[in-house]
Amino acid sequence: MSKLRNWAVSKVAAWQARDEEGQGLAEYGLILALIAIVCIGALTLLGGNIANALNNVAGSI
């Protein structure tokens, strides 16, 4: 009976480890989405200023 119990405990541990990996992947996805939103917002706010600065540099060359 001890072998059966050990086998069952190992299978439960394997399932729990698999669930945590999926959770970690979802967290990385949320972080990546947040970074993308911040980058898009920054480019939207600063895009005009950056374009003007590049045009000034190009005009002076």
N, C-alpha and C. Protein backbone atom coordinates (compact mmCIF):
# COMPACT_ATOMS: atom_id res chain seq x y z
N MET A 1 0.81 -1.19 0.00
CA MET A 1 0.00 0.00 0.00
C MET A 1 0.86 1.26 0.00
N SER A 2 2.05 1.17 0.56
CA SER A 2 2.93 2.32 0.63
C SER A 2 3.39 2.75 -0.76
N LYS A 3 3.63 1.79 -1.66
CA LYS A 3 4.04 2.13 -3.02
C LYS A 3 2.93 2.88 -3.75
N LEU A 4 1.70 2.43 -3.55
CA LEU A 4 0.56 3.08 -4.18
C LEU A 4 0.40 4.51 -3.65
N ARG A 5 0.57 4.68 -2.37
CA ARG A 5 0.46 6.01 -1.75
C ARG A 5 1.57 6.92 -2.27
N ASN A 6 2.78 6.42 -2.35
CA ASN A 6 3.90 7.22 -2.86
C ASN A 6 3.67 7.63 -4.31
N TRP A 7 3.13 6.70 -5.10
CA TRP A 7 2.83 7.01 -6.50
C TRP A 7 1.78 8.11 -6.60
N ALA A 8 0.73 8.00 -5.79
CA ALA A 8 -0.35 8.99 -5.81
C ALA A 8 0.17 10.36 -5.38
N VAL A 9 1.01 10.39 -4.36
CA VAL A 9 1.57 11.66 -3.89
C VAL A 9 2.44 12.28 -4.98
N SER A 10 3.23 11.48 -5.67
CA SER A 10 4.08 12.01 -6.74
C SER A 10 3.25 12.56 -7.89
N LYS A 11 2.13 11.91 -8.20
CA LYS A 11 1.26 12.41 -9.29
C LYS A 11 0.59 13.72 -8.90
N VAL A 12 0.16 13.82 -7.66
CA VAL A 12 -0.46 15.07 -7.20
C VAL A 12 0.56 16.20 -7.23
N ALA A 13 1.78 15.93 -6.81
CA ALA A 13 2.83 16.94 -6.83
C ALA A 13 3.13 17.38 -8.27
N ALA A 14 3.11 16.43 -9.20
CA ALA A 14 3.35 16.77 -10.61
C ALA A 14 2.23 17.67 -11.14
N TRP A 15 0.99 17.41 -10.78
CA TRP A 15 -0.14 18.24 -11.24
C TRP A 15 -0.04 19.64 -10.67
N GLN A 16 0.36 19.75 -9.39
CA GLN A 16 0.49 21.06 -8.78
C GLN A 16 1.61 21.86 -9.43
N ALA A 17 2.70 21.21 -9.76
CA ALA A 17 3.81 21.89 -10.42
C ALA A 17 3.38 22.38 -11.80
N ARG A 18 2.58 21.61 -12.49
CA ARG A 18 2.12 21.98 -13.82
C ARG A 18 1.21 23.21 -13.74
N ASP A 19 0.36 23.27 -12.72
CA ASP A 19 -0.53 24.42 -12.55
C ASP A 19 0.26 25.69 -12.26
N GLU A 20 1.32 25.59 -11.49
CA GLU A 20 2.12 26.77 -11.16
C GLU A 20 2.86 27.29 -12.38
N GLU A 21 3.27 26.40 -13.28
CA GLU A 21 3.95 26.85 -14.49
C GLU A 21 3.00 27.66 -15.35
N GLY A 22 1.74 27.23 -15.47
CA GLY A 22 0.75 27.97 -16.24
C GLY A 22 0.48 29.32 -15.62
N GLN A 23 0.44 29.38 -14.31
CA GLN A 23 0.21 30.64 -13.62
C GLN A 23 1.37 31.60 -13.87
N GLY A 24 2.59 31.10 -13.83
CA GLY A 24 3.75 31.95 -14.09
C GLY A 24 3.74 32.49 -15.50
N LEU A 25 3.33 31.66 -16.46
CA LEU A 25 3.25 32.09 -17.85
C LEU A 25 2.21 33.19 -18.01
N ALA A 26 1.09 33.05 -17.34
CA ALA A 26 0.05 34.09 -17.40
C ALA A 26 0.55 35.40 -16.79
N GLU A 27 1.30 35.31 -15.71
CA GLU A 27 1.84 36.52 -15.09
C GLU A 27 2.83 37.21 -16.02
N TYR A 28 3.68 36.45 -16.69
CA TYR A 28 4.61 37.05 -17.65
C TYR A 28 3.86 37.71 -18.80
N GLY A 29 2.78 37.08 -19.23
CA GLY A 29 1.96 37.67 -20.29
C GLY A 29 1.34 38.99 -19.87
N LEU A 30 0.85 39.06 -18.63
CA LEU A 30 0.28 40.31 -18.14
C LEU A 30 1.33 41.41 -18.01
N ILE A 31 2.52 41.05 -17.55
CA ILE A 31 3.60 42.03 -17.44
C ILE A 31 3.99 42.54 -18.83
N LEU A 32 4.08 41.64 -19.79
CA LEU A 32 4.42 42.04 -21.16
C LEU A 32 3.36 42.96 -21.74
N ALA A 33 2.09 42.67 -21.49
CA ALA A 33 1.01 43.53 -21.97
C ALA A 33 1.08 44.91 -21.33
N LEU A 34 1.38 44.97 -20.03
CA LEU A 34 1.49 46.25 -19.35
C LEU A 34 2.65 47.07 -19.90
N ILE A 35 3.78 46.43 -20.15
CA ILE A 35 4.93 47.12 -20.74
C ILE A 35 4.58 47.66 -22.12
N ALA A 36 3.87 46.86 -22.91
CA ALA A 36 3.48 47.29 -24.26
C ALA A 36 2.55 48.50 -24.18
N ILE A 37 1.61 48.51 -23.24
CA ILE A 37 0.69 49.64 -23.10
C ILE A 37 1.45 50.90 -22.70
N VAL A 38 2.40 50.77 -21.78
CA VAL A 38 3.20 51.93 -21.36
C VAL A 38 4.02 52.46 -22.53
N CYS A 39 4.63 51.57 -23.31
CA CYS A 39 5.43 52.01 -24.46
C CYS A 39 4.58 52.71 -25.51
N ILE A 40 3.41 52.17 -25.78
CA ILE A 40 2.51 52.80 -26.77
C ILE A 40 2.06 54.17 -26.27
N GLY A 41 1.74 54.26 -24.99
CA GLY A 41 1.35 55.56 -24.43
C GLY A 41 2.47 56.58 -24.49
N ALA A 42 3.69 56.15 -24.18
CA ALA A 42 4.84 57.07 -24.22
C ALA A 42 5.10 57.53 -25.65
N LEU A 43 5.03 56.62 -26.60
CA LEU A 43 5.25 57.02 -28.00
C LEU A 43 4.15 57.94 -28.49
N THR A 44 2.94 57.73 -28.04
CA THR A 44 1.84 58.60 -28.44
C THR A 44 2.05 60.01 -27.90
N LEU A 45 2.45 60.10 -26.63
CA LEU A 45 2.63 61.42 -26.03
C LEU A 45 3.88 62.13 -26.54
N LEU A 46 4.94 61.40 -26.76
CA LEU A 46 6.21 62.01 -27.15
C LEU A 46 6.49 61.94 -28.64
N GLY A 47 5.64 61.28 -29.39
CA GLY A 47 5.89 61.06 -30.82
C GLY A 47 6.06 62.35 -31.60
N GLY A 48 5.20 63.32 -31.34
CA GLY A 48 5.30 64.60 -32.06
C GLY A 48 6.58 65.33 -31.75
N ASN A 49 6.98 65.35 -30.50
CA ASN A 49 8.22 66.01 -30.10
C ASN A 49 9.44 65.33 -30.72
N ILE A 50 9.42 64.02 -30.75
CA ILE A 50 10.54 63.28 -31.34
C ILE A 50 10.62 63.54 -32.84
N ALA A 51 9.47 63.57 -33.50
CA ALA A 51 9.45 63.84 -34.94
C ALA A 51 9.98 65.24 -35.23
N ASN A 52 9.59 66.23 -34.42
CA ASN A 52 10.09 67.59 -34.62
C ASN A 52 11.60 67.67 -34.40
N ALA A 53 12.09 66.99 -33.39
CA ALA A 53 13.53 67.00 -33.13
C ALA A 53 14.30 66.35 -34.28
N LEU A 54 13.79 65.25 -34.79
CA LEU A 54 14.47 64.59 -35.93
C LEU A 54 14.41 65.46 -37.18
N ASN A 55 13.29 66.16 -37.38
CA ASN A 55 13.20 67.06 -38.55
C ASN A 55 14.19 68.23 -38.42
N ASN A 56 14.35 68.76 -37.21
CA ASN A 56 15.33 69.83 -36.99
C ASN A 56 16.74 69.34 -37.27
N VAL A 57 17.07 68.16 -36.81
CA VAL A 57 18.40 67.60 -37.05
C VAL A 57 18.62 67.38 -38.54
N ALA A 58 17.60 66.82 -39.21
CA ALA A 58 17.72 66.58 -40.65
C ALA A 58 17.83 67.89 -41.42
N GLY A 59 17.12 68.91 -40.98
CA GLY A 59 17.18 70.22 -41.65
C GLY A 59 18.53 70.89 -41.48
N SER A 60 19.15 70.71 -40.32
CA SER A 60 20.44 71.34 -40.09
C SER A 60 21.58 70.63 -40.80
N ILE A 61 21.38 69.41 -41.20
CA ILE A 61 22.42 68.67 -41.93
C ILE A 61 22.33 69.10 -43.36
